[in-house]
Amino acid sequence: MRTFAQRLMARPGDRGGGAQKLENVVIIDCGSQFTQLIARRVREMNIHSVVLSWDARRERVAEFSPKGIIISGGPDSVNDPDAIAVDRRVLDMGAPVLGICYGMQLLAKTLGGAVGSGERSEYGVTRVRRSGNSRLMEGLPDELQVLMSHGDRVTSLPEGFRATASTEGGVTAAMEDRAGRFFGLQFHPEVVHTEHGRDILRRFLFDICGCAGDWRLEDWVEGAVADIRRQVGEGRAVCGLSGGVDSSVAAALVNRAIGPRLTCIFVDHGLMRLNEAKHVVASYSGMGLSVRHVDASALFLDRLAGVTDPEKKRRIIGGLFIDVFDAEAAKIGEVDWLLQGTIYPDVIESGHRKGAVLIKSHHNVGGLPEHMKLRLLEPLRDLFKDEVRAIGRLIGVPEDIVDRQPFPGPGLAVRCLGEITRERLDTLREADAIFREELRRAKLYDGIWQSFCVLLPVRTVGVMGDSRTYSEVVALRAVNSQDAMTADWVRIPPEVLDVTAKRICNEVRGVNRVVLDVTSKPPATIEWE
């Protein structure tokens, strides 16, 4: 009998999904760090947004019948020989087009204008002044504070265009054509630093594109269930549950669509928080899912012995997860689909587009065979974390799972820096439990995106009683975020930090020092490894 991995390799991969018949705004991603923020802003106005790569052909864009098209910023210069360029035919589809930053420069050059290098770059908050009539900025103050992030500038407007705003240095900050089809902004309206940025986007979406703003997550759920039923047909699916929000919501959604033809496998790698594996299994028992619990903790610890490199840890855990998953899945019989809880930030951070850098590999988008027999079903792939949580509530996923803070696929292996041992993991679990307990006691936990402890491979001198100690260090990490792409460290009250540090040092053997991580993302990542 072929193994599960061999069956995966036998057929070219096909990702589940597909365009629903919705009122769509298409966002062409040219590599901007703000692309998904644009998509979020559109969805916040109850309009469905679809993000497509810069190299999407006209035919692909047309599948979504876009009411409007937004071209994002990007790191390139439009004058570079190999610069990103959008299919020229996309601009001729008839839908209004808004170019932001690089997108504005691309519009200008493509439509006959010129772009050159400025005497100096403009990065950060600056002020722009409106000039003349503008459909896009009608009714706004004459002067606005905006966020700029560009080196090049539009030096000559295309025929039929007029400048509608400029910076104090005379750089064209906004432009539009007299026919009312093409609009450009050199600044970023999607960020909070830009005054009236949402008003500008609202005018584009409603007044110019004519969107109705009638998209709701309830409609998304109904459409997604119908899509899954149509795609899977009479086939069977298997899912690797992690205990996290994403895989749990994905499983509940697919279970709603195909019922017992979905089998879930929970691989317990022994790297979860204190008592978490038992809690997760108990939660799933009430969701009507068919779940197989595989305790492979001893195997994972054995393979991780002596490994300190973070990427090697991730590769070992990802590969071993597949091996264990493979062995259990082989007992199920023939399966057609592999369900994963991949969401959009996973894809962006894993470098799956031109210009995106590999920050860290993710267990649910890396490590699978490149050519798979099973078709990959990823119904949450274009959603943000807060949307996934909202969908979970709509379809009855328990609150203790929906409200669960994000937890990395490799678990505590990436929070236990240095060598992984059962003793060090237990130390980390106990410290982490104390930190979360004190945050809950102070009624702070539910308002924090992610909070956890990190055990450092550092020993420091301490004094306990009359004795000298030489023990390890625990770092406290708490951040707030909307989508994990950016994050700000949480200002925890000193009295909470004081109690937490004292308890950890007094109650957790082998720790004599507690430090606080006060670094946001960027420049740091949320996790330490």
Protein backbone atom coordinates (compact mmCIF):
# COMPACT_ATOMS: atom_id res chain seq x y z
CA MET A 1 0.00 0.00 0.00
CA ARG A 2 1.29 3.47 -0.89
CA THR A 3 1.99 5.80 2.02
CA PHE A 4 0.04 9.01 2.44
CA ALA A 5 3.07 11.03 1.34
CA GLN A 6 3.41 8.90 -1.82
CA ARG A 7 -0.23 9.46 -2.64
CA LEU A 8 0.35 13.19 -2.17
CA MET A 9 3.07 13.14 -4.80
CA ALA A 10 1.04 11.38 -7.47
CA ARG A 11 -1.14 14.22 -8.77
CA PRO A 12 -0.38 17.92 -9.47
CA GLY A 13 -1.61 20.15 -6.65
CA ASP A 14 -4.87 22.06 -6.85
CA ARG A 15 -5.77 24.54 -4.15
CA GLY A 16 -9.36 24.64 -3.03
CA GLY A 17 -11.07 28.00 -3.22
CA GLY A 18 -12.59 29.81 -6.11
CA ALA A 19 -14.26 33.12 -6.70
CA GLN A 20 -17.65 33.58 -5.16
CA LYS A 21 -20.22 35.64 -7.03
CA LEU A 22 -19.68 38.75 -4.97
CA GLU A 23 -19.27 42.45 -5.57
CA ASN A 24 -15.47 42.56 -5.74
CA VAL A 25 -12.73 45.14 -5.62
CA VAL A 26 -9.49 43.70 -6.98
CA ILE A 27 -6.21 44.79 -5.39
CA ILE A 28 -3.14 44.25 -7.55
CA ASP A 29 -0.24 43.49 -5.22
CA CYS A 30 3.05 45.04 -6.38
CA GLY A 31 4.92 43.96 -3.25
CA SER A 32 3.88 46.64 -0.76
CA GLN A 33 4.06 45.96 2.96
CA PHE A 34 0.63 47.62 3.13
CA THR A 35 -1.20 45.53 0.52
CA GLN A 36 -3.23 43.47 2.96
CA LEU A 37 -3.96 46.62 4.94
CA ILE A 38 -5.63 48.00 1.81
CA ALA A 39 -7.65 44.79 1.59
CA ARG A 40 -8.67 45.16 5.24
CA ARG A 41 -9.79 48.76 4.75
CA VAL A 42 -11.98 47.72 1.84
CA ARG A 43 -13.55 44.89 3.81
CA GLU A 44 -14.15 47.17 6.79
CA MET A 45 -16.53 49.03 4.47
CA ASN A 46 -18.42 45.77 3.79
CA ILE A 47 -17.00 45.36 0.30
CA HIS A 48 -15.33 42.10 -0.67
CA SER A 49 -11.69 42.57 -1.67
CA VAL A 50 -9.55 40.15 -3.66
CA VAL A 51 -5.76 40.39 -3.68
CA LEU A 52 -4.07 39.24 -6.90
CA SER A 53 -0.40 39.19 -7.78
CA TRP A 54 1.01 41.92 -10.02
CA ASP A 55 1.45 39.40 -12.85
CA ALA A 56 -2.24 38.40 -12.95
CA ARG A 57 -3.46 38.49 -16.53
CA ARG A 58 -6.56 40.35 -17.64
CA GLU A 59 -8.48 37.07 -17.85
CA ARG A 60 -7.75 36.31 -14.19
CA VAL A 61 -8.83 39.77 -13.06
CA ALA A 62 -12.00 39.52 -15.17
CA GLU A 63 -13.05 36.37 -13.26
CA PHE A 64 -14.00 38.65 -10.36
CA SER A 65 -15.94 41.23 -12.44
CA PRO A 66 -14.31 44.01 -10.41
CA LYS A 67 -16.24 47.13 -9.51
CA GLY A 68 -12.89 48.80 -8.98
CA ILE A 69 -9.17 48.07 -9.15
CA ILE A 70 -6.50 49.28 -6.70
CA ILE A 71 -2.81 48.99 -7.58
CA SER A 72 -0.66 48.84 -4.46
CA GLY A 73 2.69 50.36 -3.66
CA GLY A 74 5.90 48.41 -4.03
CA PRO A 75 9.67 48.48 -3.47
CA ASP A 76 10.73 48.80 -7.12
CA SER A 77 11.35 51.78 -9.36
CA VAL A 78 9.10 51.79 -12.41
CA ASN A 79 12.19 52.74 -14.44
CA ASP A 80 14.10 49.57 -13.55
CA PRO A 81 14.53 47.20 -16.52
CA ASP A 82 12.86 44.34 -14.64
CA ALA A 83 10.34 46.46 -12.72
CA ILE A 84 6.93 45.04 -11.85
CA ALA A 85 4.38 45.88 -14.54
CA VAL A 86 0.64 45.22 -14.57
CA ASP A 87 -0.99 43.68 -17.65
CA ARG A 88 -1.83 46.75 -19.75
CA ARG A 89 -5.17 45.21 -20.71
CA VAL A 90 -6.30 45.36 -17.07
CA LEU A 91 -6.43 49.15 -17.35
CA ASP A 92 -8.80 48.88 -20.31
CA MET A 93 -11.45 46.81 -18.53
CA GLY A 94 -13.60 49.84 -17.75
CA ALA A 95 -13.46 49.62 -13.96
CA PRO A 96 -12.11 52.70 -12.13
CA VAL A 97 -8.45 52.31 -11.15
CA LEU A 98 -6.70 53.78 -8.10
CA GLY A 99 -2.90 53.64 -8.02
CA ILE A 100 -1.21 54.09 -4.63
CA CYS A 101 2.46 55.15 -4.38
CA TYR A 102 4.24 52.79 -6.82
CA GLY A 103 0.79 52.16 -8.31
CA MET A 104 0.40 55.85 -9.14
CA GLN A 105 3.84 55.97 -10.77
CA LEU A 106 3.03 52.81 -12.74
CA LEU A 107 -0.23 54.36 -13.95
CA ALA A 108 1.54 57.56 -14.97
CA LYS A 109 4.26 55.80 -16.95
CA THR A 110 1.92 53.25 -18.55
CA LEU A 111 -0.54 55.92 -19.71
CA GLY A 112 2.09 58.16 -21.28
CA GLY A 113 3.47 60.25 -18.43
CA ALA A 114 6.98 60.22 -16.99
CA VAL A 115 8.56 59.21 -13.70
CA GLY A 116 11.95 60.32 -12.47
CA SER A 117 14.11 60.26 -9.39
CA GLY A 118 13.54 63.15 -7.03
CA GLU A 119 16.29 65.24 -5.50
CA ARG A 120 15.45 63.61 -2.21
CA SER A 121 13.23 60.76 -1.14
CA GLU A 122 10.10 61.34 0.93
CA TYR A 123 9.61 58.88 3.77
CA GLY A 124 7.37 59.46 6.75
CA VAL A 125 4.63 61.88 7.65
CA THR A 126 4.40 65.05 5.58
CA ARG A 127 1.78 67.56 4.48
CA VAL A 128 0.11 67.91 1.11
CA ARG A 129 -2.11 70.69 -0.26
CA ARG A 130 -5.07 70.14 -2.53
CA SER A 131 -5.29 72.02 -5.80
CA GLY A 132 -8.27 72.37 -8.11
CA ASN A 133 -11.34 70.14 -8.30
CA SER A 134 -10.99 66.49 -7.31
CA ARG A 135 -13.63 63.78 -7.31
CA LEU A 136 -11.46 61.69 -5.00
CA MET A 137 -10.86 64.34 -2.34
CA GLU A 138 -13.93 66.51 -2.66
CA GLY A 139 -15.02 67.98 0.67
CA LEU A 140 -11.73 67.33 2.45
CA PRO A 141 -9.58 70.05 4.08
CA ASP A 142 -7.28 72.00 1.80
CA GLU A 143 -4.26 70.63 3.65
CA LEU A 144 -3.73 67.06 4.88
CA GLN A 145 -1.13 65.19 6.87
CA VAL A 146 -0.21 62.00 4.99
CA LEU A 147 2.32 59.16 5.03
CA MET A 148 4.78 59.18 2.15
CA SER A 149 7.19 56.36 1.30
CA HIS A 150 8.80 56.87 -2.09
CA GLY A 151 12.02 57.73 -3.88
CA ASP A 152 10.75 58.36 -7.43
CA ARG A 153 8.19 60.98 -8.42
CA VAL A 154 5.80 61.64 -11.29
CA THR A 155 7.53 64.34 -13.36
CA SER A 156 5.05 64.55 -16.24
CA LEU A 157 1.34 63.72 -16.12
CA PRO A 158 -0.29 61.61 -18.83
CA GLU A 159 -2.43 63.48 -21.34
CA GLY A 160 -5.87 64.25 -19.95
CA PHE A 161 -4.71 64.15 -16.31
CA ARG A 162 -4.51 66.95 -13.76
CA ALA A 163 -2.66 67.21 -10.46
CA THR A 164 -5.06 67.46 -7.53
CA ALA A 165 -2.55 67.70 -4.65
CA SER A 166 1.14 68.39 -4.16
CA THR A 167 3.70 68.37 -1.38
CA GLU A 168 5.45 71.44 0.01
CA GLY A 169 8.39 70.53 -2.23
CA GLY A 170 6.22 70.63 -5.35
CA VAL A 171 5.96 66.85 -5.86
CA THR A 172 2.66 65.67 -7.37
CA ALA A 173 0.86 63.95 -4.50
CA ALA A 174 -2.41 63.11 -6.28
CA MET A 175 -3.67 63.00 -9.84
CA GLU A 176 -6.76 61.96 -11.76
CA ASP A 177 -7.96 61.93 -15.33
CA ARG A 178 -10.78 64.14 -16.48
CA ALA A 179 -12.80 61.14 -17.63
CA GLY A 180 -13.02 59.94 -14.03
CA ARG A 181 -11.51 56.47 -14.58
CA PHE A 182 -7.94 56.76 -13.33
CA PHE A 183 -6.79 58.10 -9.98
CA GLY A 184 -3.38 58.21 -8.33
CA LEU A 185 -2.13 58.93 -4.81
CA GLN A 186 1.57 59.25 -4.04
CA PHE A 187 0.75 58.81 -0.33
CA HIS A 188 -0.84 55.88 1.52
CA PRO A 189 -4.53 56.42 2.42
CA GLU A 190 -4.75 52.97 4.01
CA VAL A 191 -2.55 53.80 7.05
CA VAL A 192 -3.72 55.58 10.18
CA HIS A 193 -1.01 58.24 9.77
CA THR A 194 -2.87 59.71 6.77
CA GLU A 195 -5.63 62.12 7.74
CA HIS A 196 -8.97 61.34 6.07
CA GLY A 197 -7.40 58.30 4.40
CA ARG A 198 -10.53 56.22 4.93
CA ASP A 199 -12.68 59.05 3.59
CA ILE A 200 -10.60 59.03 0.40
CA LEU A 201 -10.96 55.28 0.01
CA ARG A 202 -14.68 55.53 0.78
CA ARG A 203 -15.15 58.10 -2.00
CA PHE A 204 -13.32 55.87 -4.45
CA LEU A 205 -15.27 52.75 -3.49
CA PHE A 206 -18.77 54.19 -3.18
CA ASP A 207 -18.94 57.42 -5.18
CA ILE A 208 -16.61 56.47 -8.02
CA CYS A 209 -16.86 52.66 -8.25
CA GLY A 210 -20.52 52.55 -7.19
CA CYS A 211 -20.10 49.75 -4.65
CA ALA A 212 -23.14 48.87 -2.55
CA GLY A 213 -21.23 47.77 0.55
CA ASP A 214 -23.48 44.79 1.18
CA TRP A 215 -20.89 42.07 1.79
CA ARG A 216 -21.19 40.28 5.14
CA LEU A 217 -19.27 37.43 6.71
CA GLU A 218 -22.58 35.55 6.99
CA ASP A 219 -22.76 35.60 3.19
CA TRP A 220 -19.13 34.46 3.00
CA VAL A 221 -19.87 31.43 5.17
CA GLU A 222 -22.86 30.43 3.06
CA GLY A 223 -20.88 30.81 -0.17
CA ALA A 224 -17.82 29.02 1.23
CA VAL A 225 -19.85 26.01 2.36
CA ALA A 226 -21.47 25.78 -1.08
CA ASP A 227 -18.04 26.08 -2.77
CA ILE A 228 -16.55 23.34 -0.57
CA ARG A 229 -19.44 20.99 -1.31
CA ARG A 230 -19.09 21.60 -5.03
CA GLN A 231 -15.29 21.21 -5.02
CA VAL A 232 -15.05 18.16 -2.78
CA GLY A 233 -18.07 16.43 -4.32
CA GLU A 234 -18.24 12.91 -2.93
CA GLY A 235 -14.56 12.97 -1.99
CA ARG A 236 -13.02 12.71 1.47
CA ALA A 237 -10.76 15.16 3.28
CA VAL A 238 -8.22 14.93 6.05
CA CYS A 239 -7.10 17.77 8.32
CA GLY A 240 -4.19 18.19 10.70
CA LEU A 241 -5.61 20.00 13.71
CA SER A 242 -3.23 22.08 15.83
CA GLY A 243 -5.63 23.31 18.50
CA GLY A 244 -5.37 26.85 17.13
CA VAL A 245 -8.06 29.15 15.80
CA ASP A 246 -7.26 28.75 12.10
CA SER A 247 -7.24 24.97 11.78
CA SER A 248 -10.22 24.65 14.14
CA VAL A 249 -12.38 27.10 12.19
CA ALA A 250 -11.33 25.54 8.88
CA ALA A 251 -12.30 22.10 10.19
CA ALA A 252 -15.65 23.32 11.53
CA LEU A 253 -16.41 25.01 8.21
CA VAL A 254 -15.56 21.95 6.11
CA ASN A 255 -17.37 19.69 8.57
CA ARG A 256 -20.47 21.81 7.99
CA ALA A 257 -20.06 21.18 4.25
CA ILE A 258 -19.18 17.46 4.06
CA GLY A 259 -19.77 16.09 7.57
CA PRO A 260 -18.24 12.68 8.39
CA ARG A 261 -16.23 12.64 5.14
CA LEU A 262 -13.75 14.90 7.00
CA THR A 263 -11.32 13.16 9.36
CA CYS A 264 -9.19 15.31 11.65
CA ILE A 265 -5.85 14.25 13.11
CA PHE A 266 -4.48 16.00 16.18
CA VAL A 267 -0.75 15.32 16.40
CA ASP A 268 0.35 16.03 19.97
CA HIS A 269 4.03 16.96 19.58
CA GLY A 270 4.53 17.60 23.29
CA LEU A 271 5.33 21.26 22.65
CA MET A 272 2.09 22.84 23.81
CA ARG A 273 1.41 24.94 26.88
CA LEU A 274 0.54 23.59 30.33
CA ASN A 275 -2.34 21.05 30.12
CA GLU A 276 -3.24 22.43 26.69
CA ALA A 277 -3.38 19.14 24.78
CA LYS A 278 -6.03 17.73 27.12
CA HIS A 279 -8.01 20.96 26.95
CA VAL A 280 -7.92 21.03 23.15
CA VAL A 281 -9.09 17.43 22.81
CA ALA A 282 -11.95 18.11 25.24
CA SER A 283 -13.00 21.18 23.23
CA TYR A 284 -13.10 19.25 19.97
CA SER A 285 -15.30 16.56 21.50
CA GLY A 286 -18.19 19.03 21.60
CA MET A 287 -17.81 20.25 18.01
CA GLY A 288 -19.01 17.12 16.25
CA LEU A 289 -15.64 16.57 14.56
CA SER A 290 -14.15 13.16 13.88
CA VAL A 291 -10.77 13.56 15.61
CA ARG A 292 -7.90 11.10 16.02
CA HIS A 293 -5.50 12.02 18.84
CA VAL A 294 -1.91 10.86 18.32
CA ASP A 295 0.50 11.37 21.23
CA ALA A 296 3.92 11.63 19.58
CA SER A 297 5.58 13.80 22.22
CA ALA A 298 8.38 11.35 23.02
CA LEU A 299 9.27 11.02 19.33
CA PHE A 300 9.45 14.79 18.80
CA LEU A 301 11.61 15.34 21.89
CA ASP A 302 13.99 12.61 20.78
CA ARG A 303 14.44 14.14 17.31
CA LEU A 304 14.93 17.65 18.74
CA ALA A 305 17.61 16.59 21.23
CA GLY A 306 20.70 18.78 20.89
CA VAL A 307 19.21 20.99 18.14
CA THR A 308 19.57 24.75 18.74
CA ASP A 309 19.19 26.33 15.28
CA PRO A 310 15.62 27.75 15.00
CA GLU A 311 15.09 26.95 11.31
CA LYS A 312 16.38 23.42 11.85
CA LYS A 313 13.91 23.03 14.70
CA ARG A 314 11.09 24.12 12.40
CA ARG A 315 12.20 21.76 9.64
CA ILE A 316 12.45 18.81 12.03
CA ILE A 317 9.04 19.53 13.53
CA GLY A 318 7.44 20.11 10.13
CA GLY A 319 8.96 16.97 8.63
CA LEU A 320 8.17 14.80 11.62
CA PHE A 321 4.64 16.15 11.75
CA ILE A 322 4.17 14.95 8.16
CA ASP A 323 5.61 11.53 9.03
CA VAL A 324 3.30 11.07 12.01
CA PHE A 325 0.36 12.52 10.13
CA ASP A 326 1.17 10.24 7.18
CA ALA A 327 1.18 7.12 9.33
CA GLU A 328 -2.19 7.96 10.89
CA ALA A 329 -3.77 9.12 7.63
CA ALA A 330 -2.76 5.86 5.93
CA LYS A 331 -5.19 4.10 8.26
CA ILE A 332 -8.13 6.13 6.94
CA GLY A 333 -8.13 4.82 3.38
CA GLU A 334 -8.40 6.79 0.16
CA VAL A 335 -8.56 10.56 0.70
CA ASP A 336 -8.88 13.26 -1.97
CA TRP A 337 -8.32 16.55 -0.13
CA LEU A 338 -5.89 17.88 2.45
CA LEU A 339 -7.46 20.64 4.55
CA GLN A 340 -5.23 23.34 6.06
CA GLY A 341 -6.00 26.43 8.11
CA THR A 342 -3.71 28.71 6.11
CA ILE A 343 -4.60 32.40 6.34
CA TYR A 344 -3.25 35.34 4.39
CA PRO A 345 -0.48 36.50 6.78
CA ASP A 346 1.00 32.98 6.65
CA VAL A 347 1.41 33.25 2.90
CA ILE A 348 2.89 36.76 2.94
CA GLU A 349 5.48 35.99 5.64
CA SER A 350 6.54 32.80 3.93
CA GLY A 351 7.76 34.66 0.86
CA HIS A 352 5.29 33.38 -1.74
CA ARG A 353 5.46 36.47 -3.98
CA LYS A 354 8.05 38.54 -5.79
CA GLY A 355 9.90 40.84 -3.43
CA ALA A 356 8.67 39.17 -0.25
CA VAL A 357 11.42 37.98 2.09
CA LEU A 358 11.34 34.71 4.02
CA ILE A 359 10.95 35.88 7.62
CA LYS A 360 10.33 32.41 9.01
CA SER A 361 8.90 29.22 7.58
CA HIS A 362 5.36 28.31 8.59
CA HIS A 363 4.30 24.76 9.35
CA ASN A 364 1.15 25.07 7.27
CA VAL A 365 2.61 26.54 4.09
CA GLY A 366 6.04 24.94 4.08
CA GLY A 367 7.28 21.38 4.23
CA LEU A 368 4.63 19.75 2.04
CA PRO A 369 5.62 17.97 -1.17
CA GLU A 370 5.78 20.36 -4.12
CA HIS A 371 3.67 18.07 -6.31
CA MET A 372 0.79 16.57 -4.42
CA LYS A 373 -1.77 13.95 -5.31
CA LEU A 374 -4.20 15.40 -2.81
CA ARG A 375 -5.76 18.69 -3.68
CA LEU A 376 -5.06 21.31 -1.07
CA LEU A 377 -8.18 22.79 0.49
CA GLU A 378 -7.53 26.18 2.13
CA PRO A 379 -10.90 27.91 2.62
CA LEU A 380 -9.44 30.61 4.92
CA ARG A 381 -6.46 31.47 2.71
CA ASP A 382 -7.57 35.02 1.84
CA LEU A 383 -8.90 35.95 5.30
CA PHE A 384 -7.39 37.89 8.17
CA LYS A 385 -7.22 36.58 11.73
CA ASP A 386 -10.04 38.76 13.06
CA GLU A 387 -12.28 37.59 10.20
CA VAL A 388 -11.45 33.97 10.99
CA ARG A 389 -12.45 34.54 14.61
CA ALA A 390 -15.72 36.16 13.54
CA ILE A 391 -16.51 33.25 11.23
CA GLY A 392 -15.73 30.82 14.06
CA ARG A 393 -18.34 32.50 16.22
CA LEU A 394 -20.87 32.42 13.39
CA ILE A 395 -20.51 28.66 12.90
CA GLY A 396 -20.45 27.72 16.57
CA VAL A 397 -16.78 27.12 17.34
CA PRO A 398 -16.38 27.29 21.17
CA GLU A 399 -15.27 30.65 22.55
CA ASP A 400 -12.27 29.12 24.29
CA ILE A 401 -10.91 28.20 20.85
CA VAL A 402 -12.08 31.32 18.98
CA ASP A 403 -10.53 33.60 21.61
CA ARG A 404 -7.33 31.55 21.87
CA GLN A 405 -4.27 33.66 21.36
CA PRO A 406 -2.20 32.80 18.26
CA PHE A 407 0.19 29.95 18.92
CA PRO A 408 3.04 28.93 16.58
CA GLY A 409 2.82 25.61 14.78
CA PRO A 410 6.18 24.47 16.20
CA GLY A 411 4.82 25.32 19.64
CA LEU A 412 7.14 25.98 22.54
CA ALA A 413 10.13 24.83 20.48
CA VAL A 414 10.46 28.38 19.13
CA ARG A 415 9.99 29.89 22.58
CA CYS A 416 12.48 27.62 24.29
CA LEU A 417 15.63 29.11 22.81
CA GLY A 418 18.61 26.82 22.63
CA GLU A 419 18.39 23.10 23.34
CA ILE A 420 14.99 21.49 23.78
CA THR A 421 14.68 19.19 26.79
CA ARG A 422 11.68 18.01 28.76
CA GLU A 423 12.99 19.85 31.84
CA ARG A 424 13.43 23.17 30.00
CA LEU A 425 9.97 22.81 28.42
CA ASP A 426 8.43 22.21 31.84
CA THR A 427 10.21 25.31 33.17
CA LEU A 428 8.82 27.36 30.29
CA ARG A 429 5.31 25.95 30.70
CA GLU A 430 5.20 26.85 34.40
CA ALA A 431 6.48 30.38 33.82
CA ASP A 432 4.08 30.91 30.92
CA ALA A 433 1.12 29.71 32.98
CA ILE A 434 1.98 32.20 35.74
CA PHE A 435 2.25 35.08 33.26
CA ARG A 436 -1.11 34.29 31.68
CA GLU A 437 -2.72 33.80 35.10
CA GLU A 438 -1.58 37.22 36.31
CA LEU A 439 -2.75 38.89 33.08
CA ARG A 440 -6.18 37.30 33.58
CA ARG A 441 -6.23 38.33 37.24
CA ALA A 442 -5.59 41.92 36.14
CA LYS A 443 -8.31 41.59 33.46
CA LEU A 444 -5.76 42.29 30.71
CA TYR A 445 -5.50 38.92 28.99
CA ASP A 446 -8.57 39.16 26.73
CA GLY A 447 -7.45 42.53 25.40
CA ILE A 448 -4.00 41.31 24.32
CA TRP A 449 -3.37 39.79 20.90
CA GLN A 450 -0.53 37.54 22.05
CA SER A 451 1.26 37.08 25.38
CA PHE A 452 3.83 34.46 26.30
CA CYS A 453 7.15 33.67 27.93
CA VAL A 454 10.45 32.89 26.25
CA LEU A 455 13.13 30.80 27.97
CA LEU A 456 16.55 32.14 27.06
CA PRO A 457 19.73 30.05 26.71
CA VAL A 458 21.42 32.45 29.12
CA ARG A 459 22.37 31.94 32.75
CA THR A 460 22.75 34.81 35.18
CA VAL A 461 23.94 35.19 38.75
CA GLY A 462 21.29 35.63 41.40
CA VAL A 463 20.78 35.47 45.14
CA MET A 464 18.04 33.43 46.80
CA GLY A 465 18.14 33.39 50.57
CA ASP A 466 21.79 33.22 51.52
CA SER A 467 22.79 31.26 48.44
CA ARG A 468 24.25 32.27 45.11
CA THR A 469 22.32 30.98 42.09
CA TYR A 470 23.27 30.61 38.45
CA SER A 471 20.00 30.08 36.63
CA GLU A 472 18.14 30.79 33.39
CA VAL A 473 16.29 33.89 32.22
CA VAL A 474 12.64 34.23 31.22
CA ALA A 475 11.52 37.03 28.89
CA LEU A 476 7.93 38.29 28.95
CA ARG A 477 6.41 39.14 25.57
CA ALA A 478 3.00 40.78 24.99
CA VAL A 479 1.88 42.46 21.76
CA ASN A 480 -1.24 43.84 20.16
CA SER A 481 -1.97 43.45 16.48
CA GLN A 482 -4.83 43.11 14.01
CA ASP A 483 -3.32 40.70 11.53
CA ALA A 484 0.17 39.72 12.77
CA MET A 485 1.87 41.67 9.99
CA THR A 486 2.69 44.51 12.39
CA ALA A 487 2.51 44.55 16.19
CA ASP A 488 3.05 46.95 19.07
CA TRP A 489 4.31 45.85 22.49
CA VAL A 490 1.78 46.12 25.30
CA ARG A 491 2.39 48.54 28.18
CA ILE A 492 1.63 46.21 31.08
CA PRO A 493 1.19 47.99 34.43
CA PRO A 494 4.35 47.81 36.60
CA GLU A 495 2.50 46.19 39.48
CA VAL A 496 1.43 43.28 37.23
CA LEU A 497 4.99 42.85 35.99
CA ASP A 498 6.29 42.96 39.55
CA VAL A 499 3.96 40.19 40.78
CA THR A 500 4.64 38.09 37.69
CA ALA A 501 8.42 38.34 38.04
CA LYS A 502 8.34 37.52 41.75
CA ARG A 503 6.09 34.50 41.24
CA ILE A 504 8.18 33.11 38.39
CA CYS A 505 11.43 33.44 40.34
CA ASN A 506 9.89 32.01 43.52
CA GLU A 507 7.77 29.22 42.02
CA VAL A 508 9.64 28.07 38.92
CA ARG A 509 12.75 26.13 39.66
CA GLY A 510 15.79 27.09 37.58
CA VAL A 511 14.82 30.74 36.87
CA ASN A 512 16.30 33.69 38.74
CA ARG A 513 15.71 36.60 36.36
CA VAL A 514 12.73 37.97 34.37
CA VAL A 515 13.04 40.56 31.60
CA LEU A 516 10.48 42.39 29.45
CA ASP A 517 10.57 42.57 25.63
CA VAL A 518 9.62 46.13 24.57
CA THR A 519 10.24 45.74 20.83
CA SER A 520 7.49 46.18 18.26
CA LYS A 521 7.14 44.50 14.85
CA PRO A 522 8.96 45.76 12.86
CA PRO A 523 11.88 45.74 13.59
CA ALA A 524 11.36 42.50 15.54
CA THR A 525 9.06 39.59 14.76
CA ILE A 526 6.41 38.59 17.28
CA GLU A 527 8.08 35.28 18.08
CA TRP A 528 11.75 35.18 19.05
CA GLU A 529 12.60 32.34 16.67
